[in-house]
Amino acid sequence: MSKLAVHGGEKVRSRKFPAYLTVGDEEKNAAARVIDSGVLSRFLGTWHEDFFGGPEVKAFEAEWAEYFQIKHAIAVNSATSGLLLCCWIRRHRPR
């Protein structure tokens, strides 16, 4: 069995991967639209109609759910929050 490059084996790649831009004009325009509206999320950390966020957050969640053909999608503020939410859901879901 051959060694991995990290352990002194032969490298598979000799050049770095090319840069890949994941943010284009569509994303820039969407972000500018939200910023220009003055309402970034409209989230209130208390039981209120805005507990689930404003119109842009709700539309974003609906588009993701439709794209992935699932019932619900939940927007969070970071990847860490998303991972913690997944762990909480996994532990507390009905069996």
Protein backbone atom coordinates (compact mmCIF):
# COMPACT_ATOMS: atom_id res chain seq x y z
CA MET A 1 0.00 0.00 0.00
CA SER A 2 1.40 3.43 -0.93
CA LYS A 3 1.88 6.26 1.54
CA LEU A 4 -0.27 9.37 1.56
CA ALA A 5 1.57 12.56 0.55
CA VAL A 6 1.14 13.90 4.07
CA HIS A 7 3.22 10.93 5.26
CA GLY A 8 5.96 11.30 2.64
CA GLY A 9 4.22 9.65 -0.31
CA GLU A 10 3.92 11.05 -3.82
CA LYS A 11 1.68 14.11 -4.30
CA VAL A 12 -1.32 13.72 -6.57
CA ARG A 13 -1.39 17.39 -7.61
CA SER A 14 1.58 19.58 -8.47
CA ARG A 15 -0.44 22.81 -8.94
CA LYS A 16 -2.96 24.55 -6.70
CA PHE A 17 -6.62 24.41 -7.64
CA PRO A 18 -7.73 27.48 -9.64
CA ALA A 19 -9.63 30.25 -7.87
CA TYR A 20 -13.39 29.77 -7.91
CA LEU A 21 -15.66 32.75 -7.41
CA THR A 22 -18.91 31.75 -5.73
CA VAL A 23 -20.33 35.27 -5.53
CA GLY A 24 -21.50 36.85 -8.75
CA ASP A 25 -23.72 39.74 -9.81
CA GLU A 26 -26.91 37.95 -8.78
CA GLU A 27 -25.66 37.53 -5.20
CA LYS A 28 -24.30 41.09 -5.06
CA ASN A 29 -27.62 42.50 -6.29
CA ALA A 30 -29.60 40.43 -3.78
CA ALA A 31 -27.40 41.58 -0.89
CA ALA A 32 -27.64 45.22 -2.03
CA ARG A 33 -31.44 44.92 -2.28
CA VAL A 34 -31.66 43.68 1.32
CA ILE A 35 -29.22 46.31 2.61
CA ASP A 36 -31.06 49.08 0.74
CA SER A 37 -34.37 47.94 2.28
CA GLY A 38 -33.00 48.68 5.75
CA VAL A 39 -34.33 45.33 7.03
CA LEU A 40 -31.57 42.73 7.34
CA SER A 41 -33.63 39.99 8.98
CA ARG A 42 -36.38 41.54 11.14
CA PHE A 43 -35.76 38.73 13.62
CA LEU A 44 -37.01 39.33 17.16
CA GLY A 45 -35.80 36.97 19.87
CA THR A 46 -39.21 36.80 21.47
CA TRP A 47 -42.51 35.22 20.50
CA HIS A 48 -43.80 37.63 17.88
CA GLU A 49 -44.81 37.46 14.22
CA ASP A 50 -41.26 38.54 13.35
CA PHE A 51 -39.73 35.67 15.33
CA PHE A 52 -39.33 33.81 12.01
CA GLY A 53 -37.63 36.74 10.23
CA GLY A 54 -38.72 39.22 7.62
CA PRO A 55 -39.84 38.79 4.02
CA GLU A 56 -36.37 38.21 2.56
CA VAL A 57 -35.53 35.51 5.13
CA LYS A 58 -38.86 33.76 4.57
CA ALA A 59 -38.47 33.95 0.78
CA PHE A 60 -34.91 32.57 1.02
CA GLU A 61 -36.08 29.63 3.14
CA ALA A 62 -38.99 28.92 0.77
CA GLU A 63 -36.70 28.95 -2.29
CA TRP A 64 -34.24 26.53 -0.63
CA ALA A 65 -37.05 24.19 0.40
CA GLU A 66 -38.41 24.21 -3.15
CA TYR A 67 -34.99 23.71 -4.73
CA PHE A 68 -34.15 20.73 -2.51
CA GLN A 69 -37.74 19.40 -2.65
CA ILE A 70 -38.16 19.37 1.12
CA LYS A 71 -40.94 20.60 3.40
CA HIS A 72 -38.95 23.16 5.39
CA ALA A 73 -35.66 25.07 5.32
CA ILE A 74 -34.30 27.14 8.20
CA ALA A 75 -31.90 30.05 7.70
CA VAL A 76 -29.27 30.53 10.41
CA ASN A 77 -26.56 33.13 10.95
CA SER A 78 -23.53 30.86 10.58
CA ALA A 79 -22.32 27.37 9.73
CA THR A 80 -21.69 26.78 13.44
CA SER A 81 -25.32 27.62 14.24
CA GLY A 82 -26.43 25.28 11.46
CA LEU A 83 -24.33 22.40 12.80
CA LEU A 84 -25.59 22.97 16.34
CA LEU A 85 -29.17 23.05 15.05
CA CYS A 86 -28.63 19.75 13.22
CA CYS A 87 -27.29 18.16 16.41
CA TRP A 88 -30.22 19.49 18.45
CA ILE A 89 -32.78 18.26 15.89
CA ARG A 90 -31.12 14.85 15.69
CA ARG A 91 -31.22 14.47 19.46
CA HIS A 92 -34.76 15.81 20.00
CA ARG A 93 -36.69 14.51 17.01
CA PRO A 94 -39.54 12.09 17.67
CA ARG A 95 -38.57 8.46 17.25
